[in-house]
Amino acid sequence: MKPETEKIERTPKEWKTRWRLLVKEIIESTYIDENETQEDQYARIERLEADPEEWFKYYFPRFAYAPPAAFHKEATKRVLENKEWCEVRLWSRELAKSTRTMMEVMYLTLVGHIMEQTTQNIRDNEVVRLRKRYVVLVSNSLDNAIRLLMPYKANLEYNKRIIQDYGVQEQAGTWEMSEFTTQRGIAFRAIGAGQSPRGARNEEVRPDIILFDDVDTDADCLNREIVAKRWRWIEEAAIGTRSISAPTTIIFCGNRIAADCSIERATRIADHVETVNIRDEKGRSSWPEKNNELDIDRVLGQKSYAAQQKEYFNNPLTEGSVFKQMAYKPAKQLREYEILVCYTDPSYKDTNDYKATVLVGKADGEYHVIKCYLNQATTAEMIQWHYNIMDYVSGCNCYFFMEEVFMQDVIIKEVSDAGRRTGRTIPISGDRRKKPDKFMRIESLLEPLHRNGQLYFSASEKDNPHMQRLAEQFIAFAPGSHAHDDGPDAVEGAIWKITEKSGAKEKGGFYSVAKPVNDNRL
């Protein structure tokens, strides 16, 4: 399936260009067999209508070019099987939420139950009970709603396969971009948020499909009063156009772009809420049939951590609520630090967490994050980070710690195996501290240090992607946030251990090699 139609500028010239391109693609992709017999046509239609996935592929080849994922099929099954239904689709960008919804709506409006068949042309003599007859599509503005309605109109007007099997749809006099009615009496209307939809009827029929697509904007979500006003309009005006007695399908499509937004409020009234991110909880593509891992990596690599979380993981972040901007300073020569600690948060879970290894030093009342490794890495990669740190601090005293709760048999075995292969043992000790709430720990220890000019990142590492990820995680750190915080957690652990060890020069987990220090390594 093809992802949502891209946003375009709305000058008249660009509208026309986009429309011509869309029409051209539809015409070219929906070739038909003009020599098909009527009997073969009946059999084909019956076969396709019995299998919505095959129906989508045949009538919308331009849009259904990639095999659907399991969540697509399950979503369609829910919508088609429940005549009275309200669903929220919190699907990431590039997961075809608008396109999938369009194909379902076209199925619900075009496919009828044939009550009588004759040997005459199916378009002239069938008696059909249409499933749905009035579709209202709502977006944040009328222009955007029209843009989203364009594929519906273009397919009804120019899709040769639809015309061959369901008849000419265009009806003279009622065929505008924002509102049109087919010859079968199926009405479509685009509405911008806040526009009055009251009295919307298609003859005696009130809207029985109401679609909300991208009704939130970043600017609106900054103002709680605007969000509340918009939601009142959705509840009272938009949804209020439906009939109480007629089964109605309501679908919200969008991303959770703010903690309080219309689609978040919609989750409270929905029969079903589905959140699908670009990657699943195991860090794998949620739609591998279309989005491979390398492509996802490339796209995410072009965006900040906060943008990634909002657009692709339904996790809006309030940037800078605790750490507004991280401070950088040239690191000292390693021998000038009173104490060095390498601390690791391995995040050894079956989730999409980051592994974090940081080297932190204390000097003159300041704490410097000298080196950082922070990535969604394997255990083998994490072990190599430790060897890199060991090489880096060669000739200096450094403690190595890891959260003891993660020092499970599998990690211990891999560390031991690596030691046997290399002939070098990583002297990791477990951090046995009973840790309180993570947010409280990080905020209470690190925020005052940061605010008082005692916490710095190494200036020479500012362009290192690992250090950049660490800065992004600090800035995204906020109460109640679902942002990754494995980097700040590792820094907190290192500084806690530095504080603990500064007074008691214990030797447990101590690493020292008698080699001269390279003063120019930083």
Protein backbone atom coordinates (compact mmCIF):
# COMPACT_ATOMS: atom_id res chain seq x y z
CA MET A 1 0.00 0.00 0.00
CA LYS A 2 1.10 3.52 -0.65
CA PRO A 3 1.62 5.90 2.29
CA GLU A 4 -0.47 8.98 2.86
CA THR A 5 -0.61 11.52 0.07
CA GLU A 6 2.13 14.06 0.64
CA LYS A 7 1.35 17.61 1.62
CA ILE A 8 1.62 20.15 -1.17
CA GLU A 9 1.50 23.90 -1.51
CA ARG A 10 -1.98 25.09 -2.27
CA THR A 11 -1.52 27.55 -5.10
CA PRO A 12 -4.02 27.00 -7.97
CA LYS A 13 -1.21 25.94 -10.31
CA GLU A 14 0.11 23.33 -7.88
CA TRP A 15 -3.40 22.04 -7.17
CA LYS A 16 -3.87 21.46 -10.89
CA THR A 17 -0.46 19.83 -11.29
CA ARG A 18 -1.10 17.46 -8.40
CA TRP A 19 -4.56 16.62 -9.73
CA ARG A 20 -3.31 15.92 -13.27
CA LEU A 21 -0.52 13.66 -11.94
CA LEU A 22 -2.94 11.75 -9.71
CA VAL A 23 -5.43 11.25 -12.56
CA LYS A 24 -2.67 10.15 -14.96
CA GLU A 25 -1.37 7.55 -12.49
CA ILE A 26 -4.86 6.17 -11.84
CA ILE A 27 -5.72 5.88 -15.53
CA GLU A 28 -2.42 4.20 -16.38
CA SER A 29 -2.60 1.72 -13.49
CA THR A 30 -6.22 0.57 -13.94
CA TYR A 31 -6.16 -1.06 -17.35
CA ILE A 32 -9.08 -3.44 -18.03
CA ASP A 33 -9.87 -6.45 -20.19
CA GLU A 34 -12.38 -5.05 -22.64
CA ASN A 35 -13.04 -8.53 -24.08
CA GLU A 36 -14.08 -10.03 -20.73
CA THR A 37 -17.43 -11.82 -20.90
CA GLN A 38 -20.27 -10.85 -18.65
CA GLU A 39 -20.16 -14.21 -16.89
CA ASP A 40 -16.44 -13.85 -16.23
CA GLN A 41 -17.02 -10.31 -14.98
CA TYR A 42 -19.72 -11.49 -12.54
CA ALA A 43 -17.43 -14.26 -11.27
CA ARG A 44 -14.49 -11.89 -10.86
CA ILE A 45 -16.54 -9.29 -8.99
CA GLU A 46 -17.97 -11.93 -6.68
CA ARG A 47 -14.51 -13.30 -5.96
CA LEU A 48 -13.01 -9.87 -5.28
CA GLU A 49 -15.86 -8.66 -3.08
CA ALA A 50 -15.51 -11.79 -0.96
CA ASP A 51 -11.87 -10.88 -0.21
CA PRO A 52 -11.34 -7.20 0.69
CA GLU A 53 -7.55 -7.50 0.41
CA GLU A 54 -7.82 -8.76 -3.17
CA TRP A 55 -10.44 -6.10 -3.86
CA PHE A 56 -8.01 -3.40 -2.70
CA LYS A 57 -5.19 -4.78 -4.85
CA TYR A 58 -7.33 -4.99 -7.99
CA TYR A 59 -9.12 -1.64 -7.86
CA PHE A 60 -6.28 0.43 -6.33
CA PRO A 61 -3.00 -0.92 -7.73
CA ARG A 62 -1.34 2.49 -7.43
CA PHE A 63 -2.07 2.63 -3.71
CA ALA A 64 -1.83 -1.06 -2.74
CA TYR A 65 1.56 -1.69 -4.29
CA ALA A 66 3.13 -3.14 -1.12
CA PRO A 67 1.72 -6.21 0.67
CA PRO A 68 -0.21 -5.17 3.78
CA ALA A 69 1.07 -5.86 7.26
CA ALA A 70 -0.92 -7.90 9.76
CA PHE A 71 -2.12 -4.76 11.55
CA HIS A 72 -3.55 -3.43 8.27
CA LYS A 73 -5.60 -6.57 7.72
CA GLU A 74 -6.83 -6.67 11.31
CA ALA A 75 -7.86 -3.00 11.16
CA THR A 76 -9.85 -3.56 7.97
CA LYS A 77 -11.54 -6.60 9.45
CA ARG A 78 -12.73 -4.54 12.43
CA VAL A 79 -14.10 -1.72 10.28
CA LEU A 80 -15.91 -3.94 7.80
CA GLU A 81 -17.42 -6.24 10.40
CA ASN A 82 -18.74 -3.51 12.72
CA LYS A 83 -21.37 -1.24 11.18
CA GLU A 84 -21.43 0.93 14.32
CA TRP A 85 -17.79 1.61 15.15
CA CYS A 86 -15.34 4.25 16.39
CA GLU A 87 -11.62 3.63 15.95
CA VAL A 88 -8.47 5.67 16.58
CA ARG A 89 -5.48 4.88 14.38
CA LEU A 90 -2.32 6.23 15.96
CA TRP A 91 -0.18 4.97 13.12
CA SER A 92 3.24 6.39 12.39
CA ARG A 93 4.08 8.25 9.26
CA GLU A 94 4.74 5.92 6.32
CA LEU A 95 2.21 3.32 7.54
CA ALA A 96 -0.56 4.32 5.08
CA LYS A 97 -3.26 5.24 7.56
CA SER A 98 -5.02 7.64 5.17
CA THR A 99 -4.63 5.32 2.19
CA ARG A 100 -5.86 2.25 4.05
CA THR A 101 -8.85 4.18 5.33
CA MET A 102 -9.67 5.42 1.82
CA MET A 103 -9.74 1.88 0.40
CA GLU A 104 -11.97 0.70 3.24
CA VAL A 105 -14.38 3.59 2.69
CA MET A 106 -14.53 2.90 -1.04
CA TYR A 107 -15.32 -0.74 -0.27
CA LEU A 108 -18.07 0.24 2.17
CA THR A 109 -19.68 2.60 -0.33
CA LEU A 110 -19.23 0.73 -3.62
CA VAL A 111 -19.72 -2.86 -2.61
CA GLY A 112 -23.38 -3.72 -2.11
CA HIS A 113 -25.27 -6.88 -1.37
CA ILE A 114 -26.74 -8.12 -4.64
CA MET A 115 -30.36 -9.05 -3.96
CA GLU A 116 -31.26 -9.96 -7.50
CA GLN A 117 -29.26 -10.81 -10.60
CA THR A 118 -30.28 -11.11 -14.21
CA THR A 119 -28.39 -11.89 -17.36
CA GLN A 120 -28.58 -8.20 -18.21
CA ASN A 121 -25.72 -5.86 -17.58
CA ILE A 122 -24.97 -5.86 -13.85
CA ARG A 123 -24.81 -2.07 -13.76
CA ASP A 124 -28.32 -1.61 -15.12
CA ASN A 125 -30.36 -4.33 -13.48
CA GLU A 126 -28.90 -5.25 -10.12
CA VAL A 127 -30.82 -4.38 -6.98
CA VAL A 128 -28.30 -3.27 -4.41
CA ARG A 129 -28.41 -2.26 -0.75
CA LEU A 130 -25.53 0.11 -0.25
CA ARG A 131 -23.65 -0.22 3.01
CA LYS A 132 -22.75 3.43 3.53
CA ARG A 133 -24.04 6.49 1.69
CA TYR A 134 -22.60 9.69 3.13
CA VAL A 135 -18.90 10.26 3.86
CA VAL A 136 -17.63 13.35 5.69
CA LEU A 137 -13.86 13.91 5.83
CA VAL A 138 -12.58 16.40 8.43
CA SER A 139 -9.07 17.85 8.65
CA ASN A 140 -7.39 20.83 10.31
CA SER A 141 -8.38 23.10 7.40
CA LEU A 142 -10.70 22.95 4.42
CA ASP A 143 -7.73 22.96 2.04
CA ASN A 144 -6.21 19.97 3.80
CA ALA A 145 -9.56 18.15 3.85
CA ILE A 146 -9.91 18.72 0.09
CA ARG A 147 -6.38 17.40 -0.45
CA LEU A 148 -7.23 14.24 1.46
CA LEU A 149 -10.50 13.85 -0.48
CA MET A 150 -8.77 14.17 -3.87
CA PRO A 151 -7.89 10.45 -4.22
CA TYR A 152 -11.53 9.51 -3.58
CA LYS A 153 -12.79 11.85 -6.30
CA ALA A 154 -10.05 10.96 -8.77
CA ASN A 155 -10.70 7.23 -8.43
CA LEU A 156 -14.47 7.59 -8.72
CA GLU A 157 -14.04 9.75 -11.81
CA TYR A 158 -11.14 8.06 -13.63
CA ASN A 159 -10.53 4.55 -12.23
CA LYS A 160 -11.38 2.37 -15.24
CA ARG A 161 -11.84 -0.75 -13.14
CA ILE A 162 -14.37 0.93 -10.85
CA ILE A 163 -16.25 2.32 -13.86
CA GLN A 164 -16.28 -1.06 -15.60
CA ASP A 165 -17.66 -2.95 -12.59
CA TYR A 166 -19.69 -0.35 -10.69
CA GLY A 167 -20.66 2.09 -13.40
CA VAL A 168 -19.93 5.72 -14.16
CA GLN A 169 -19.81 7.56 -10.85
CA GLU A 170 -19.59 11.21 -11.89
CA GLN A 171 -22.88 13.06 -11.71
CA ALA A 172 -23.23 16.37 -13.50
CA GLY A 173 -23.99 19.37 -11.31
CA THR A 174 -22.86 17.75 -8.05
CA TRP A 175 -19.18 17.16 -8.73
CA GLU A 176 -16.99 19.74 -6.97
CA MET A 177 -13.62 19.25 -5.29
CA SER A 178 -15.00 19.82 -1.79
CA GLU A 179 -18.32 18.05 -2.22
CA PHE A 180 -19.68 15.55 -4.74
CA THR A 181 -22.37 12.89 -5.09
CA THR A 182 -22.11 9.81 -7.30
CA GLN A 183 -24.83 8.59 -9.65
CA ARG A 184 -25.63 5.93 -7.05
CA GLY A 185 -26.29 8.63 -4.50
CA ILE A 186 -23.12 8.28 -2.44
CA ALA A 187 -22.12 11.70 -1.10
CA PHE A 188 -18.64 12.88 -0.11
CA ARG A 189 -17.86 16.15 1.66
CA ALA A 190 -14.66 17.81 2.90
CA ILE A 191 -14.87 19.95 6.04
CA GLY A 192 -12.22 22.02 7.78
CA ALA A 193 -12.08 22.03 11.58
CA GLY A 194 -14.40 24.70 12.92
CA GLN A 195 -16.48 24.89 9.77
CA SER A 196 -20.20 24.42 10.32
CA PRO A 197 -21.31 20.92 9.25
CA ARG A 198 -24.76 21.16 10.77
CA GLY A 199 -27.67 20.00 8.67
CA ALA A 200 -25.42 17.79 6.55
CA ARG A 201 -27.69 15.37 4.70
CA ASN A 202 -27.68 13.27 1.57
CA GLU A 203 -31.41 13.22 0.91
CA GLU A 204 -32.75 11.57 4.08
CA VAL A 205 -29.34 10.14 5.04
CA ARG A 206 -27.11 11.79 7.63
CA PRO A 207 -23.35 11.13 7.52
CA ASP A 208 -22.73 7.46 8.26
CA ILE A 209 -18.94 7.59 7.76
CA ILE A 210 -17.07 10.40 9.55
CA LEU A 211 -13.31 10.55 9.05
CA PHE A 212 -10.94 12.74 11.06
CA ASP A 213 -7.48 12.97 9.48
CA ASP A 214 -4.71 15.21 10.86
CA VAL A 215 -7.11 17.47 12.75
CA ASP A 216 -4.29 18.62 15.06
CA THR A 217 -1.52 21.06 14.19
CA ASP A 218 1.68 21.75 16.11
CA ALA A 219 0.75 25.40 16.60
CA ASP A 220 -2.76 24.64 17.90
CA CYS A 221 -1.46 22.07 20.37
CA LEU A 222 0.64 24.74 22.09
CA ASN A 223 -2.58 26.33 23.32
CA ARG A 224 -4.73 24.19 25.59
CA GLU A 225 -7.75 26.44 25.03
CA ILE A 226 -7.58 25.88 21.27
CA VAL A 227 -7.38 22.11 21.79
CA ALA A 228 -10.38 22.18 24.12
CA LYS A 229 -12.38 24.34 21.69
CA ARG A 230 -11.56 22.06 18.77
CA TRP A 231 -12.56 18.97 20.71
CA ARG A 232 -15.89 20.54 21.63
CA TRP A 233 -16.47 21.19 17.93
CA ILE A 234 -15.60 17.58 17.09
CA GLU A 235 -17.95 16.21 19.74
CA GLU A 236 -20.85 18.57 19.26
CA ALA A 237 -20.74 19.69 15.62
CA ALA A 238 -18.86 17.09 13.59
CA ILE A 239 -19.92 13.87 15.32
CA GLY A 240 -23.25 15.56 16.01
CA THR A 241 -24.14 15.33 12.31
CA ARG A 242 -24.66 11.57 12.59
CA SER A 243 -28.00 9.88 13.10
CA ILE A 244 -28.69 8.20 16.42
CA SER A 245 -30.56 5.33 14.77
CA ALA A 246 -28.26 4.69 11.77
CA PRO A 247 -25.01 2.69 12.26
CA THR A 248 -22.07 5.05 11.81
CA THR A 249 -18.36 4.44 11.23
CA ILE A 250 -16.01 7.01 12.82
CA ILE A 251 -12.27 6.80 12.23
CA PHE A 252 -9.57 9.11 13.62
CA CYS A 253 -6.22 9.00 11.77
CA GLY A 254 -3.17 10.82 13.02
CA ASN A 255 -0.17 10.88 15.31
CA ARG A 256 0.02 11.80 18.96
CA ILE A 257 1.86 15.07 18.36
CA ALA A 258 1.25 16.50 21.85
CA ALA A 259 0.35 15.27 25.30
CA ASP A 260 -3.04 16.96 24.89
CA CYS A 261 -4.45 16.94 21.37
CA SER A 262 -7.69 15.98 19.65
CA ILE A 263 -6.63 12.49 18.69
CA GLU A 264 -5.47 11.82 22.26
CA ARG A 265 -8.90 12.89 23.53
CA ALA A 266 -10.53 10.67 20.89
CA THR A 267 -8.94 7.63 22.52
CA ARG A 268 -11.37 8.11 25.44
CA ILE A 269 -14.48 7.58 23.27
CA ALA A 270 -13.22 4.98 20.81
CA ASP A 271 -14.28 1.35 20.61
CA HIS A 272 -10.72 0.51 19.61
CA VAL A 273 -7.40 2.37 19.83
CA GLU A 274 -4.40 1.11 17.92
CA THR A 275 -0.89 2.51 18.21
CA VAL A 276 1.58 1.34 15.57
CA ASN A 277 5.02 2.95 15.46
CA ILE A 278 7.52 2.77 12.62
CA ARG A 279 9.30 0.09 14.66
CA ASP A 280 7.75 -2.41 17.03
CA GLU A 281 8.66 -3.03 20.66
CA LYS A 282 11.57 -5.22 19.55
CA GLY A 283 13.02 -2.50 17.36
CA ARG A 284 11.97 -4.08 14.06
CA SER A 285 10.08 -2.48 11.18
CA SER A 286 6.35 -2.76 11.83
CA TRP A 287 5.78 -2.93 8.06
CA PRO A 288 8.84 -4.76 6.67
CA GLU A 289 7.01 -5.46 3.39
CA LYS A 290 7.47 -1.75 2.60
CA ASN A 291 9.88 -0.13 5.07
CA ASN A 292 13.22 -1.93 5.42
CA GLU A 293 15.60 -1.30 8.29
CA LEU A 294 18.22 0.59 6.27
CA ASP A 295 15.63 3.00 4.89
CA ILE A 296 14.20 3.60 8.36
CA ASP A 297 17.70 4.24 9.73
CA ARG A 298 18.40 6.74 6.98
CA VAL A 299 15.17 8.70 7.48
CA LEU A 300 15.43 8.74 11.27
CA GLY A 301 19.07 9.78 10.98
CA GLN A 302 17.95 12.95 9.20
CA LYS A 303 15.77 14.04 12.14
CA SER A 304 16.37 15.03 15.71
CA TYR A 305 15.49 12.61 18.47
CA ALA A 306 12.45 14.71 19.44
CA ALA A 307 11.19 14.79 15.84
CA GLN A 308 11.67 11.02 15.53
CA GLN A 309 9.67 10.38 18.67
CA LYS A 310 6.77 12.65 17.69
CA GLU A 311 6.44 11.68 14.03
CA TYR A 312 7.32 7.99 14.10
CA PHE A 313 6.79 6.76 17.67
CA ASN A 314 3.69 8.64 18.91
CA ASN A 315 5.75 10.05 21.73
CA PRO A 316 5.60 13.88 21.82
CA LEU A 317 8.34 15.38 23.92
CA THR A 318 8.40 18.60 25.90
CA GLU A 319 11.96 19.56 25.12
CA GLY A 320 13.98 21.36 27.73
CA SER A 321 11.53 21.00 30.62
CA VAL A 322 14.37 19.82 32.90
CA PHE A 323 17.57 20.25 30.87
CA LYS A 324 17.15 23.11 28.41
CA GLN A 325 20.56 23.00 26.75
CA MET A 326 23.62 20.93 27.56
CA ALA A 327 26.93 22.65 28.30
CA TYR A 328 30.22 21.75 26.59
CA LYS A 329 33.77 22.32 27.77
CA PRO A 330 37.20 21.02 26.73
CA ALA A 331 38.00 17.93 28.74
CA LYS A 332 41.11 17.88 30.89
CA GLN A 333 44.05 15.57 30.47
CA LEU A 334 43.03 12.24 31.98
CA ARG A 335 45.66 12.33 34.74
CA GLU A 336 44.17 15.61 36.02
CA TYR A 337 40.90 13.96 37.05
CA GLU A 338 40.56 12.98 40.69
CA ILE A 339 38.58 9.90 39.71
CA LEU A 340 37.31 8.27 36.54
CA VAL A 341 34.24 6.02 36.33
CA CYS A 342 32.97 4.07 33.35
CA TYR A 343 29.31 3.23 33.91
CA THR A 344 27.02 1.12 31.75
CA ASP A 345 23.25 0.87 31.49
CA PRO A 346 22.85 -2.21 29.27
CA SER A 347 19.03 -1.98 29.10
CA TYR A 348 18.97 -5.73 28.71
CA LYS A 349 15.29 -6.03 27.84
CA ASP A 350 13.25 -7.31 24.91
CA THR A 351 12.46 -3.73 23.90
CA ASN A 352 13.77 -1.02 21.65
CA ASP A 353 15.95 0.58 24.35
CA TYR A 354 19.44 2.01 24.04
CA LYS A 355 22.59 0.63 25.59
CA ALA A 356 24.72 3.32 27.21
CA THR A 357 28.34 3.36 28.35
CA VAL A 358 29.81 6.65 29.60
CA LEU A 359 33.21 7.70 30.90
CA VAL A 360 32.88 10.46 33.50
CA GLY A 361 35.63 12.26 35.37
CA LYS A 362 35.61 14.61 38.35
CA ALA A 363 37.99 17.57 38.69
CA ASP A 364 37.75 20.85 40.60
CA GLY A 365 34.16 20.21 41.61
CA GLU A 366 33.06 19.61 38.00
CA TYR A 367 31.87 16.44 36.30
CA HIS A 368 32.88 15.89 32.70
CA VAL A 369 31.30 13.33 30.38
CA ILE A 370 34.51 12.54 28.52
CA LYS A 371 33.36 9.68 26.31
CA CYS A 372 29.96 8.27 25.48
CA TYR A 373 28.65 5.25 23.61
CA LEU A 374 24.88 5.33 23.22
CA ASN A 375 23.05 3.28 20.64
CA GLN A 376 20.53 0.50 20.00
CA ALA A 377 23.35 -2.01 19.98
CA THR A 378 24.01 -5.68 20.57
CA THR A 379 25.68 -6.99 23.71
CA ALA A 380 28.80 -7.74 21.65
CA GLU A 381 28.99 -4.10 20.54
CA MET A 382 28.52 -2.96 24.13
CA ILE A 383 31.40 -5.18 25.24
CA GLN A 384 33.61 -3.67 22.55
CA TRP A 385 32.79 -0.22 23.93
CA HIS A 386 34.40 -1.31 27.20
CA TYR A 387 37.57 -2.38 25.44
CA ASN A 388 37.62 1.01 23.69
CA ILE A 389 37.37 2.75 27.07
CA MET A 390 40.05 0.47 28.55
CA ASP A 391 42.39 1.42 25.72
CA TYR A 392 41.49 5.07 26.13
CA VAL A 393 42.23 5.22 29.87
CA SER A 394 45.30 3.01 29.64
CA GLY A 395 47.73 4.04 32.37
CA CYS A 396 45.03 5.77 34.43
CA ASN A 397 42.88 4.60 37.30
CA CYS A 398 39.27 3.94 36.32
CA TYR A 399 36.35 2.12 37.94
CA PHE A 400 33.99 0.08 35.75
CA PHE A 401 30.38 -0.42 36.88
CA MET A 402 27.18 -1.83 35.49
CA GLU A 403 23.72 -1.95 37.03
CA GLU A 404 23.80 -5.26 38.89
CA VAL A 405 20.19 -6.05 38.07
CA PHE A 406 21.32 -6.43 34.44
CA MET A 407 24.38 -8.52 35.19
CA GLN A 408 22.55 -11.69 34.27
CA ASP A 409 24.09 -14.97 33.24
CA VAL A 410 23.94 -14.16 29.53
CA ILE A 411 25.88 -10.91 29.92
CA ILE A 412 28.36 -12.43 32.34
CA LYS A 413 28.97 -15.28 29.89
CA GLU A 414 29.52 -12.95 26.94
CA VAL A 415 31.91 -10.78 28.95
CA SER A 416 33.79 -13.91 30.07
CA ASP A 417 33.92 -15.28 26.55
CA ALA A 418 35.29 -11.96 25.28
CA GLY A 419 37.94 -12.02 28.00
CA ARG A 420 39.08 -15.50 26.96
CA ARG A 421 39.21 -14.52 23.28
CA THR A 422 41.19 -11.33 23.86
CA GLY A 423 43.17 -12.28 26.94
CA ARG A 424 41.85 -9.12 28.60
CA THR A 425 39.30 -9.18 31.39
CA ILE A 426 36.85 -6.31 31.70
CA PRO A 427 36.82 -5.48 35.45
CA ILE A 428 33.11 -4.67 35.76
CA SER A 429 31.54 -4.55 39.21
CA GLY A 430 27.83 -4.54 39.85
CA ASP A 431 26.14 -1.40 41.14
CA ARG A 432 24.18 -2.87 44.06
CA ARG A 433 22.40 0.34 44.95
CA LYS A 434 18.64 0.02 45.44
CA LYS A 435 17.64 2.69 43.01
CA PRO A 436 14.63 4.92 43.66
CA ASP A 437 12.40 6.27 40.88
CA LYS A 438 14.46 6.98 37.76
CA PHE A 439 13.09 10.46 37.11
CA MET A 440 13.64 11.49 40.73
CA ARG A 441 17.22 10.14 40.68
CA ILE A 442 18.26 11.89 37.49
CA GLU A 443 16.54 15.17 38.23
CA SER A 444 17.63 15.46 41.85
CA LEU A 445 21.30 14.62 41.20
CA LEU A 446 22.02 15.97 37.72
CA GLU A 447 19.74 18.99 37.30
CA PRO A 448 21.40 21.00 40.11
CA LEU A 449 24.85 20.14 38.77
CA HIS A 450 23.78 21.22 35.29
CA ARG A 451 22.13 24.42 36.56
CA ASN A 452 25.13 25.36 38.71
CA GLY A 453 27.70 24.87 35.93
CA GLN A 454 29.19 21.65 37.27
CA LEU A 455 28.15 19.20 34.53
CA TYR A 456 29.81 19.36 31.10
CA PHE A 457 30.10 17.27 27.96
CA SER A 458 33.49 17.05 26.27
CA ALA A 459 33.67 19.75 23.57
CA SER A 460 35.81 17.54 21.34
CA GLU A 461 32.97 14.97 21.25
CA LYS A 462 30.25 17.45 20.28
CA ASP A 463 29.99 16.10 16.72
CA ASN A 464 30.13 12.46 17.78
CA PRO A 465 26.70 10.89 17.07
CA HIS A 466 26.81 9.03 20.39
CA MET A 467 27.36 12.24 22.35
CA GLN A 468 24.68 13.97 20.28
CA ARG A 469 22.20 11.22 21.20
CA LEU A 470 23.10 11.72 24.85
CA ALA A 471 22.39 15.46 24.58
CA GLU A 472 19.06 14.76 22.85
CA GLN A 473 18.02 12.33 25.57
CA PHE A 474 18.84 14.86 28.26
CA ILE A 475 16.84 17.60 26.53
CA ALA A 476 13.90 15.21 25.98
CA PHE A 477 13.96 14.12 29.63
CA ALA A 478 10.70 15.13 31.30
CA PRO A 479 8.26 13.86 33.94
CA GLY A 480 5.86 11.30 32.50
CA SER A 481 7.75 11.16 29.20
CA HIS A 482 8.21 7.89 27.34
CA ALA A 483 11.43 9.14 25.74
CA HIS A 484 14.54 7.00 25.99
CA ASP A 485 16.60 7.97 29.02
CA ASP A 486 19.27 5.27 29.13
CA GLY A 487 22.05 7.83 28.53
CA PRO A 488 21.09 10.17 31.39
CA ASP A 489 20.59 7.09 33.59
CA ALA A 490 24.17 5.98 32.91
CA VAL A 491 25.53 9.47 33.65
CA GLU A 492 23.60 9.53 36.93
CA GLY A 493 25.06 6.14 37.83
CA ALA A 494 28.60 7.30 37.05
CA ILE A 495 28.34 10.49 39.11
CA TRP A 496 26.73 8.62 41.99
CA LYS A 497 29.65 6.19 42.01
CA ILE A 498 32.17 9.03 41.76
CA THR A 499 30.56 10.64 44.81
CA GLU A 500 30.62 7.33 46.65
CA LYS A 501 34.20 6.48 45.70
CA SER A 502 35.67 9.93 46.18
CA GLY A 503 35.74 9.46 49.93
CA ALA A 504 36.61 5.80 50.20
CA LYS A 505 39.39 4.81 47.78
CA GLU A 506 38.14 1.27 47.42
CA LYS A 507 39.87 -1.04 44.99
CA GLY A 508 36.89 -3.17 43.93
CA GLY A 509 36.35 -2.88 40.22
CA PHE A 510 39.54 -0.83 39.91
CA TYR A 511 41.41 -0.84 36.61
CA SER A 512 44.97 0.44 36.28
CA VAL A 513 47.70 -0.22 33.74
CA ALA A 514 51.17 1.21 34.19
CA LYS A 515 51.54 3.03 30.90
CA PRO A 516 52.35 6.66 30.28
CA VAL A 517 49.34 8.86 29.70
CA ASN A 518 48.95 10.46 26.27
CA ASP A 519 48.15 14.02 27.29
CA ASN A 520 46.90 14.92 23.82
CA ARG A 521 44.25 12.27 23.52
CA LEU A 522 41.39 14.70 24.26
